[in-house]
């Protein structure tokens, strides 16, 4: 008899705004689409709805999604997830944090998260791998520089003491952090598509323009970010 695989848990960190939900779906939809074709079963957990977080022994790994919340708000569901992350790291559970998930992992493991002193980072930007990424099992197949989708105001300002910084952008020096052999997080969005990034830009054009961004230019330059997307697929593919 074939033994069923443990699921990869998608830990959904709150709802998107209503207009994004209506046109693009929610965070688990984006992760599932990026992993289309994978045989790995997927489950969704919503700690912001007070759903219990899974026993690490019952899942193969976890992806923590982005959010429109702020880590510094210290919402109860978010802090409960941070506590769970500490136990999951100790248990050796494979973890991948995305944007808010990246920041929450850094916060949970002793780093400092807050608003970036130079403001938000939004649109598609180059991610540059650092020399220490050369032998990282999840990153070694990536080119030294690749494009990725970003939209965030808060950042990891000080990584946890034992974290290794593996990539940077011009704006943010802590784009990829590794916390151990099974735990990694990224500030960018490997699951984003061009339509989703375009929707995030278009919905607040006036705000971004007032901050000095060339929104029309950013929209016209959008292109698929396949290398970033492959990182998410490779994470799921390496699970036991």
Protein backbone atom coordinates (compact mmCIF):
# COMPACT_ATOMS: atom_id res chain seq x y z
CA UNK A 1 0.00 0.00 0.00
CA UNK A 2 1.31 3.47 -0.87
CA UNK A 3 1.98 5.59 2.21
CA UNK A 4 0.31 8.99 1.95
CA UNK A 5 2.57 12.02 2.15
CA UNK A 6 2.38 14.50 4.95
CA UNK A 7 0.99 17.81 3.68
CA UNK A 8 2.85 21.04 3.20
CA UNK A 9 1.04 23.56 5.39
CA UNK A 10 0.35 27.04 4.03
CA UNK A 11 0.11 29.30 7.07
CA UNK A 12 -2.09 32.19 5.90
CA UNK A 13 -1.22 35.41 7.68
CA UNK A 14 -4.49 37.34 7.42
CA UNK A 15 -6.77 38.40 4.55
CA UNK A 16 -5.76 40.58 1.59
CA UNK A 17 -7.79 43.76 0.96
CA UNK A 18 -11.22 43.08 -0.51
CA UNK A 19 -10.34 44.32 -4.02
CA UNK A 20 -7.32 42.03 -4.18
CA UNK A 21 -9.36 39.10 -2.88
CA UNK A 22 -12.05 39.73 -5.49
CA UNK A 23 -9.70 39.95 -8.48
CA UNK A 24 -6.75 37.78 -7.46
CA UNK A 25 -7.83 35.44 -4.66
CA UNK A 26 -5.96 34.95 -1.40
CA UNK A 27 -2.44 33.99 -0.38
CA UNK A 28 -2.99 30.19 -0.38
CA UNK A 29 -4.39 30.45 -3.93
CA UNK A 30 -1.16 32.10 -5.08
CA UNK A 31 1.07 29.52 -3.38
CA UNK A 32 -1.02 26.65 -4.75
CA UNK A 33 -0.82 28.07 -8.27
CA UNK A 34 2.96 28.40 -8.00
CA UNK A 35 3.15 24.75 -6.90
CA UNK A 36 0.77 23.46 -9.57
CA UNK A 37 1.83 20.02 -10.74
CA UNK A 38 3.45 19.07 -7.45
CA UNK A 39 2.30 15.79 -5.97
CA UNK A 40 2.69 17.15 -2.45
CA UNK A 41 -0.69 17.56 -0.69
CA UNK A 42 -1.33 21.05 0.64
CA UNK A 43 -3.27 22.21 3.68
CA UNK A 44 -4.19 25.73 4.78
CA UNK A 45 -4.06 26.98 8.37
CA UNK A 46 -5.49 30.36 9.38
CA UNK A 47 -4.08 31.43 12.77
CA UNK A 48 -5.72 34.86 12.39
CA UNK A 49 -9.06 33.01 12.65
CA UNK A 50 -7.83 31.34 15.84
CA UNK A 51 -7.31 28.04 14.06
CA UNK A 52 -4.77 25.88 15.90
CA UNK A 53 -1.34 25.60 14.37
CA UNK A 54 -0.33 22.05 13.45
CA UNK A 55 1.90 19.75 15.43
CA UNK A 56 5.18 19.89 13.48
CA UNK A 57 5.29 16.09 13.42
CA UNK A 58 2.08 15.96 11.35
CA UNK A 59 3.26 18.09 8.39
CA UNK A 60 6.16 17.93 5.96
CA UNK A 61 6.91 21.64 6.13
CA UNK A 62 5.29 25.07 6.28
CA UNK A 63 5.13 28.16 4.08
CA UNK A 64 4.27 31.36 5.96
CA UNK A 65 2.60 33.83 3.62
CA UNK A 66 2.74 37.56 3.26
CA UNK A 67 0.20 39.81 4.95
CA UNK A 68 -1.22 43.30 4.95
CA UNK A 69 -0.62 43.40 8.73
CA UNK A 70 2.52 44.69 10.43
CA UNK A 71 4.73 42.49 12.61
CA UNK A 72 5.26 45.41 14.99
CA UNK A 73 1.52 45.44 15.81
CA UNK A 74 2.18 42.24 17.80
CA UNK A 75 -1.29 40.90 17.12
CA UNK A 76 -2.19 37.92 19.30
CA UNK A 77 -2.48 35.50 16.38
CA UNK A 78 0.88 36.66 15.01
CA UNK A 79 2.68 36.31 18.33
CA UNK A 80 1.13 32.87 18.77
CA UNK A 81 2.51 31.94 15.36
CA UNK A 82 5.93 33.28 16.39
CA UNK A 83 5.86 31.00 19.42
CA UNK A 84 4.91 28.08 17.18
CA UNK A 85 7.80 28.95 14.85
CA UNK A 86 10.28 28.65 17.70
CA UNK A 87 8.99 25.16 18.48
CA UNK A 88 8.93 24.22 14.79
CA UNK A 89 12.54 25.36 14.32
CA UNK A 90 13.59 23.33 17.34
CA UNK A 91 11.80 20.30 15.88
CA UNK A 92 13.64 20.67 12.57
CA UNK A 93 10.51 21.35 10.52
CA UNK A 94 11.29 22.79 7.05
CA UNK A 95 10.10 26.40 7.03
CA UNK A 96 9.85 29.03 4.30
CA UNK A 97 8.74 32.56 5.21
CA UNK A 98 7.53 35.02 2.56
CA UNK A 99 7.45 38.80 3.20
CA UNK A 100 5.45 39.03 6.44
CA UNK A 101 6.45 35.43 7.07
CA UNK A 102 10.11 36.44 6.56
CA UNK A 103 9.78 39.26 9.05
CA UNK A 104 7.87 37.14 11.56
CA UNK A 105 10.50 34.41 11.44
CA UNK A 106 13.24 36.95 12.06
CA UNK A 107 11.23 38.45 14.94
CA UNK A 108 10.49 35.02 16.41
CA UNK A 109 14.17 34.02 16.35
CA UNK A 110 15.50 37.20 17.97
CA UNK A 111 15.89 39.75 15.17
CA UNK A 112 14.52 43.30 14.93
CA UNK A 113 11.71 44.21 12.53
CA UNK A 114 10.38 47.71 11.93
CA UNK A 115 9.60 50.26 9.24
CA UNK A 116 12.46 50.65 6.78
CA UNK A 117 14.14 54.04 7.32
CA UNK A 118 14.11 54.70 3.55
CA UNK A 119 10.45 53.83 3.09
CA UNK A 120 8.73 51.10 1.15
CA UNK A 121 10.12 48.79 -1.50
CA UNK A 122 7.64 48.00 -4.26
CA UNK A 123 7.65 46.65 -7.79
CA UNK A 124 10.13 44.32 -9.44
CA UNK A 125 13.74 44.62 -8.33
CA UNK A 126 17.01 42.75 -8.66
CA UNK A 127 17.89 40.32 -5.90
CA UNK A 128 21.63 39.74 -5.57
CA UNK A 129 22.88 36.53 -3.99
CA UNK A 130 25.80 36.92 -1.61
CA UNK A 131 28.87 34.65 -1.72
CA UNK A 132 27.62 32.56 1.19
CA UNK A 133 24.62 31.49 -0.93
CA UNK A 134 26.86 29.63 -3.37
CA UNK A 135 26.66 26.36 -1.48
CA UNK A 136 23.15 26.73 -0.06
CA UNK A 137 21.12 23.71 -1.08
CA UNK A 138 18.00 25.70 -1.92
CA UNK A 139 19.72 28.58 -3.71
CA UNK A 140 22.68 27.09 -5.58
CA UNK A 141 20.67 26.64 -8.79
CA UNK A 142 19.70 30.33 -8.91
CA UNK A 143 21.66 32.89 -10.97
CA UNK A 144 23.70 35.47 -9.03
CA UNK A 145 21.06 38.13 -9.80
CA UNK A 146 17.37 37.64 -10.55
CA UNK A 147 14.19 39.70 -10.56
CA UNK A 148 11.52 39.35 -7.89
CA UNK A 149 8.28 41.05 -6.87
CA UNK A 150 8.32 43.13 -3.69
CA UNK A 151 5.82 45.15 -1.72
CA UNK A 152 6.64 45.99 1.90
CA UNK A 153 7.11 48.87 4.30
CA UNK A 154 8.63 46.95 7.19
CA UNK A 155 11.90 45.04 6.94
CA UNK A 156 14.26 42.92 8.97
CA UNK A 157 16.50 45.69 10.29
CA UNK A 158 18.69 43.42 12.43
CA UNK A 159 18.77 39.68 11.62
CA UNK A 160 18.78 37.14 14.45
CA UNK A 161 22.26 36.55 15.83
CA UNK A 162 22.70 33.11 14.30
CA UNK A 163 21.01 33.86 10.96
CA UNK A 164 23.02 33.92 7.74
CA UNK A 165 22.23 36.67 5.22
CA UNK A 166 22.17 35.14 1.73
CA UNK A 167 20.84 37.90 -0.54
CA UNK A 168 20.19 41.62 -0.74
CA UNK A 169 18.56 44.23 -2.93
CA UNK A 170 19.61 47.81 -3.44
CA UNK A 171 16.97 48.85 -0.90
CA UNK A 172 17.07 46.01 1.63
CA UNK A 173 20.25 44.20 2.71
CA UNK A 174 18.37 41.24 4.23
CA UNK A 175 16.40 39.73 1.34
CA UNK A 176 17.08 36.08 2.20
CA UNK A 177 17.91 34.74 5.66
CA UNK A 178 18.78 31.20 6.66
CA UNK A 179 18.21 30.17 10.28
CA UNK A 180 19.38 26.58 10.09
CA UNK A 181 19.50 23.62 7.71
CA UNK A 182 15.72 23.53 7.26
CA UNK A 183 14.53 27.12 7.78
CA UNK A 184 14.82 30.00 5.33
CA UNK A 185 12.86 33.18 4.62
CA UNK A 186 12.64 35.70 1.77
CA UNK A 187 11.48 39.31 1.77
CA UNK A 188 10.28 39.09 -1.84
CA UNK A 189 7.22 37.25 -3.17
CA UNK A 190 8.14 34.11 -5.16
CA UNK A 191 4.42 33.30 -5.53
CA UNK A 192 3.42 36.60 -7.19
CA UNK A 193 2.38 36.74 -10.83
CA UNK A 194 2.46 39.74 -13.15
CA UNK A 195 -1.32 40.35 -12.78
CA UNK A 196 -1.07 40.19 -9.00
CA UNK A 197 1.88 42.60 -8.84
CA UNK A 198 0.06 44.90 -11.26
CA UNK A 199 -3.04 44.85 -9.04
CA UNK A 200 -0.96 45.76 -5.98
CA UNK A 201 0.57 48.69 -7.87
CA UNK A 202 -2.61 49.94 -9.50
CA UNK A 203 -4.75 49.96 -6.36
CA UNK A 204 -2.65 52.69 -4.68
CA UNK A 205 -1.23 54.59 -7.63
CA UNK A 206 -1.85 57.99 -6.03
CA UNK A 207 -0.02 57.04 -2.83
CA UNK A 208 2.96 55.56 -4.65
CA UNK A 209 3.18 58.47 -7.07
CA UNK A 210 3.16 60.92 -4.16
CA UNK A 211 6.11 59.00 -2.70
CA UNK A 212 8.07 59.48 -5.92
CA UNK A 213 7.49 56.14 -7.65
CA UNK A 214 6.97 55.96 -11.41
CA UNK A 215 4.00 53.63 -11.26
CA UNK A 216 3.34 53.62 -15.02
CA UNK A 217 6.96 52.76 -15.63
CA UNK A 218 6.89 49.96 -13.07
CA UNK A 219 3.68 48.55 -14.56
CA UNK A 220 5.05 48.56 -18.11
CA UNK A 221 8.25 46.82 -16.98
CA UNK A 222 6.57 43.90 -15.21
CA UNK A 223 7.66 40.47 -16.41
CA UNK A 224 7.44 36.89 -15.09
CA UNK A 225 9.87 36.18 -12.23
CA UNK A 226 10.54 32.52 -12.88
CA UNK A 227 13.76 32.22 -10.85
CA UNK A 228 12.06 33.55 -7.73
CA UNK A 229 9.10 31.24 -8.36
CA UNK A 230 11.43 28.26 -8.73
CA UNK A 231 12.75 28.83 -5.21
CA UNK A 232 9.27 28.13 -3.83
CA UNK A 233 8.89 25.04 -6.03
CA UNK A 234 12.32 23.76 -5.00
CA UNK A 235 11.46 24.20 -1.33
CA UNK A 236 8.36 22.04 -1.75
CA UNK A 237 10.24 19.56 -3.92
CA UNK A 238 12.95 18.86 -1.37
CA UNK A 239 10.56 17.90 1.42
CA UNK A 240 10.77 14.34 2.69
